[in-house]
């Protein structure tokens, strides 16, 4: 397993523990940002993502009713 897949697995578990239903989680190799597909996102989940170290960049809707959430890791 390569380093980026390990990184995605760690974030996947952290996001899952918050209670967000994850349809998919991918990392953009060019920017290093995460693309999270889910069906529901509210202010509580956004605050929880902030607490674990992920910064919300953008939320867009897809034609099949999913949300594409663009996240970036905070620099500590």
N, C-alpha and C. Protein backbone atom coordinates (compact mmCIF):
# COMPACT_ATOMS: atom_id res chain seq x y z
N UNK A 1 0.86 -1.18 0.00
CA UNK A 1 0.00 0.00 0.00
C UNK A 1 0.90 1.24 0.00
N UNK A 2 0.66 2.15 -0.92
CA UNK A 2 1.51 3.33 -1.00
C UNK A 2 1.10 4.37 0.04
N UNK A 3 1.93 5.39 0.17
CA UNK A 3 1.76 6.42 1.21
C UNK A 3 0.44 7.17 1.06
N UNK A 4 0.05 7.52 -0.16
CA UNK A 4 -1.18 8.29 -0.35
C UNK A 4 -2.41 7.45 0.00
N UNK A 5 -2.39 6.15 -0.28
CA UNK A 5 -3.52 5.28 0.07
C UNK A 5 -3.64 5.15 1.59
N UNK A 6 -2.51 5.08 2.29
CA UNK A 6 -2.53 5.04 3.75
C UNK A 6 -3.13 6.32 4.30
N UNK A 7 -2.77 7.45 3.70
CA UNK A 7 -3.29 8.75 4.11
C UNK A 7 -4.81 8.81 3.91
N UNK A 8 -5.29 8.32 2.80
CA UNK A 8 -6.73 8.31 2.52
C UNK A 8 -7.44 7.41 3.52
N UNK A 9 -6.86 6.26 3.84
CA UNK A 9 -7.47 5.34 4.79
C UNK A 9 -7.61 5.96 6.17
N UNK A 10 -6.60 6.71 6.60
CA UNK A 10 -6.64 7.38 7.90
C UNK A 10 -7.76 8.42 7.92
N UNK A 11 -7.83 9.25 6.88
CA UNK A 11 -8.88 10.27 6.82
C UNK A 11 -10.25 9.63 6.69
N UNK A 12 -10.34 8.54 5.95
CA UNK A 12 -11.62 7.83 5.78
C UNK A 12 -12.17 7.42 7.15
N UNK A 13 -11.32 6.82 7.98
CA UNK A 13 -11.75 6.38 9.32
C UNK A 13 -12.16 7.57 10.18
N UNK A 14 -11.39 8.67 10.13
CA UNK A 14 -11.71 9.85 10.93
C UNK A 14 -13.05 10.46 10.52
N UNK A 15 -13.28 10.54 9.21
CA UNK A 15 -14.54 11.10 8.70
C UNK A 15 -15.70 10.19 9.05
N UNK A 16 -15.48 8.90 8.94
CA UNK A 16 -16.51 7.92 9.26
C UNK A 16 -16.90 7.99 10.74
N UNK A 17 -15.93 8.23 11.62
CA UNK A 17 -16.20 8.33 13.05
C UNK A 17 -17.07 9.55 13.39
N UNK A 18 -16.99 10.60 12.59
CA UNK A 18 -17.84 11.78 12.80
C UNK A 18 -19.30 11.43 12.55
N UNK A 19 -19.55 10.50 11.63
CA UNK A 19 -20.91 10.10 11.32
C UNK A 19 -21.33 10.45 9.90
N UNK A 20 -20.41 10.90 9.10
CA UNK A 20 -20.71 11.24 7.70
C UNK A 20 -20.75 9.95 6.89
N UNK A 21 -21.82 9.78 6.11
CA UNK A 21 -21.93 8.62 5.22
C UNK A 21 -21.06 8.87 4.00
N UNK A 22 -20.03 8.08 3.85
CA UNK A 22 -19.06 8.26 2.78
C UNK A 22 -19.43 7.37 1.60
N UNK A 23 -19.67 7.99 0.45
CA UNK A 23 -19.88 7.23 -0.78
C UNK A 23 -18.53 6.93 -1.43
N UNK A 24 -17.63 7.92 -1.42
CA UNK A 24 -16.26 7.71 -1.88
C UNK A 24 -15.38 8.83 -1.34
N UNK A 25 -14.09 8.53 -1.23
CA UNK A 25 -13.10 9.51 -0.79
C UNK A 25 -11.87 9.29 -1.64
N UNK A 26 -11.49 10.32 -2.39
CA UNK A 26 -10.33 10.26 -3.27
C UNK A 26 -9.44 11.47 -3.01
N UNK A 27 -8.17 11.32 -3.35
CA UNK A 27 -7.23 12.43 -3.22
C UNK A 27 -6.80 12.88 -4.61
N UNK A 28 -6.87 14.18 -4.87
CA UNK A 28 -6.39 14.74 -6.12
C UNK A 28 -4.87 14.84 -6.03
N UNK A 29 -4.18 14.14 -6.89
CA UNK A 29 -2.72 14.10 -6.83
C UNK A 29 -2.07 15.45 -7.11
N UNK A 30 -2.69 16.28 -7.94
CA UNK A 30 -2.10 17.58 -8.28
C UNK A 30 -2.16 18.55 -7.11
N UNK A 31 -3.32 18.64 -6.46
CA UNK A 31 -3.50 19.63 -5.39
C UNK A 31 -3.34 19.04 -4.00
N UNK A 32 -3.50 17.73 -3.85
CA UNK A 32 -3.44 17.10 -2.54
C UNK A 32 -4.72 17.24 -1.75
N UNK A 33 -5.76 17.76 -2.39
CA UNK A 33 -7.05 17.93 -1.72
C UNK A 33 -7.86 16.64 -1.82
N UNK A 34 -8.80 16.50 -0.89
CA UNK A 34 -9.64 15.32 -0.85
C UNK A 34 -11.00 15.62 -1.47
N UNK A 35 -11.52 14.65 -2.22
CA UNK A 35 -12.85 14.75 -2.81
C UNK A 35 -13.73 13.72 -2.12
N UNK A 36 -14.68 14.21 -1.33
CA UNK A 36 -15.59 13.37 -0.58
C UNK A 36 -16.95 13.40 -1.23
N UNK A 37 -17.50 12.22 -1.55
CA UNK A 37 -18.87 12.14 -2.06
C UNK A 37 -19.75 11.61 -0.93
N UNK A 38 -20.84 12.34 -0.67
CA UNK A 38 -21.77 11.97 0.37
C UNK A 38 -23.17 12.41 -0.03
N UNK A 39 -24.16 12.06 0.74
CA UNK A 39 -25.54 12.46 0.43
C UNK A 39 -26.02 13.61 1.30
N UNK A 40 -25.36 13.85 2.44
CA UNK A 40 -25.85 14.84 3.38
C UNK A 40 -24.69 15.58 4.04
N UNK A 41 -24.80 16.89 4.13
CA UNK A 41 -23.77 17.69 4.79
C UNK A 41 -24.48 18.86 5.46
N UNK A 42 -24.18 19.10 6.73
CA UNK A 42 -24.75 20.25 7.42
C UNK A 42 -23.66 20.95 8.23
N UNK A 43 -24.03 22.00 8.95
CA UNK A 43 -23.06 22.80 9.70
C UNK A 43 -22.36 21.97 10.79
N UNK A 44 -23.08 21.06 11.42
CA UNK A 44 -22.48 20.20 12.44
C UNK A 44 -21.31 19.40 11.85
N UNK A 45 -21.54 18.78 10.70
CA UNK A 45 -20.49 17.99 10.07
C UNK A 45 -19.32 18.87 9.63
N UNK A 46 -19.61 20.06 9.16
CA UNK A 46 -18.55 20.99 8.75
C UNK A 46 -17.69 21.35 9.96
N UNK A 47 -18.33 21.62 11.10
CA UNK A 47 -17.59 21.94 12.33
C UNK A 47 -16.74 20.76 12.78
N UNK A 48 -17.29 19.55 12.68
CA UNK A 48 -16.55 18.35 13.08
C UNK A 48 -15.36 18.10 12.15
N UNK A 49 -15.53 18.35 10.87
CA UNK A 49 -14.41 18.21 9.93
C UNK A 49 -13.30 19.19 10.30
N UNK A 50 -13.68 20.39 10.71
CA UNK A 50 -12.72 21.40 11.13
C UNK A 50 -11.95 20.92 12.35
N UNK A 51 -12.63 20.28 13.28
CA UNK A 51 -11.99 19.80 14.51
C UNK A 51 -10.95 18.71 14.24
N UNK A 52 -11.17 17.87 13.24
CA UNK A 52 -10.22 16.80 12.95
C UNK A 52 -9.10 17.26 12.00
N UNK A 53 -9.19 18.50 11.52
CA UNK A 53 -8.10 19.04 10.72
C UNK A 53 -8.35 19.13 9.24
N UNK A 54 -9.62 19.10 8.82
CA UNK A 54 -9.94 19.24 7.41
C UNK A 54 -10.70 20.54 7.18
N UNK A 55 -10.26 21.29 6.21
CA UNK A 55 -10.86 22.58 5.87
C UNK A 55 -11.77 22.42 4.67
N UNK A 56 -13.02 22.86 4.80
CA UNK A 56 -13.97 22.80 3.69
C UNK A 56 -13.60 23.84 2.64
N UNK A 57 -13.46 23.42 1.40
CA UNK A 57 -13.14 24.33 0.30
C UNK A 57 -14.39 24.64 -0.50
N UNK A 58 -15.15 23.60 -0.86
CA UNK A 58 -16.29 23.79 -1.75
C UNK A 58 -17.25 22.60 -1.63
N UNK A 59 -18.54 22.87 -1.82
CA UNK A 59 -19.55 21.82 -1.89
C UNK A 59 -20.33 22.03 -3.17
N UNK A 60 -20.42 20.98 -4.00
CA UNK A 60 -21.23 21.05 -5.21
C UNK A 60 -22.13 19.83 -5.28
N UNK A 61 -23.28 20.00 -5.91
CA UNK A 61 -24.22 18.91 -6.09
C UNK A 61 -23.99 18.21 -7.41
N UNK A 62 -24.32 16.91 -7.45
CA UNK A 62 -24.21 16.15 -8.69
C UNK A 62 -25.61 15.82 -9.18
N UNK A 63 -25.71 15.34 -10.39
CA UNK A 63 -27.01 15.03 -10.98
C UNK A 63 -27.71 13.87 -10.29
N UNK A 64 -26.94 12.96 -9.70
CA UNK A 64 -27.56 11.81 -9.05
C UNK A 64 -27.88 12.05 -7.57
N UNK A 65 -27.85 13.30 -7.14
CA UNK A 65 -28.26 13.66 -5.78
C UNK A 65 -27.17 13.58 -4.73
N UNK A 66 -25.94 13.35 -5.13
CA UNK A 66 -24.84 13.31 -4.18
C UNK A 66 -24.20 14.69 -4.07
N UNK A 67 -23.45 14.89 -3.02
CA UNK A 67 -22.69 16.11 -2.83
C UNK A 67 -21.22 15.79 -3.01
N UNK A 68 -20.51 16.65 -3.75
CA UNK A 68 -19.08 16.53 -3.89
C UNK A 68 -18.47 17.60 -2.99
N UNK A 69 -17.81 17.16 -1.94
CA UNK A 69 -17.22 18.06 -0.94
C UNK A 69 -15.71 18.06 -1.14
N UNK A 70 -15.16 19.24 -1.40
CA UNK A 70 -13.72 19.39 -1.59
C UNK A 70 -13.11 19.82 -0.27
N UNK A 71 -12.16 19.04 0.23
CA UNK A 71 -11.54 19.28 1.53
C UNK A 71 -10.04 19.40 1.39
N UNK A 72 -9.43 20.16 2.29
CA UNK A 72 -8.00 20.32 2.30
C UNK A 72 -7.53 20.15 3.74
N UNK A 73 -6.40 19.50 3.94
CA UNK A 73 -5.83 19.35 5.27
C UNK A 73 -5.26 20.67 5.75
N UNK A 74 -5.52 20.98 7.01
CA UNK A 74 -4.99 22.21 7.59
C UNK A 74 -3.50 22.03 7.86
N UNK A 75 -2.77 23.10 7.69
CA UNK A 75 -1.34 23.09 8.03
C UNK A 75 -1.19 23.40 9.50
N UNK A 76 -0.67 22.45 10.26
CA UNK A 76 -0.53 22.65 11.71
C UNK A 76 0.72 23.40 12.04
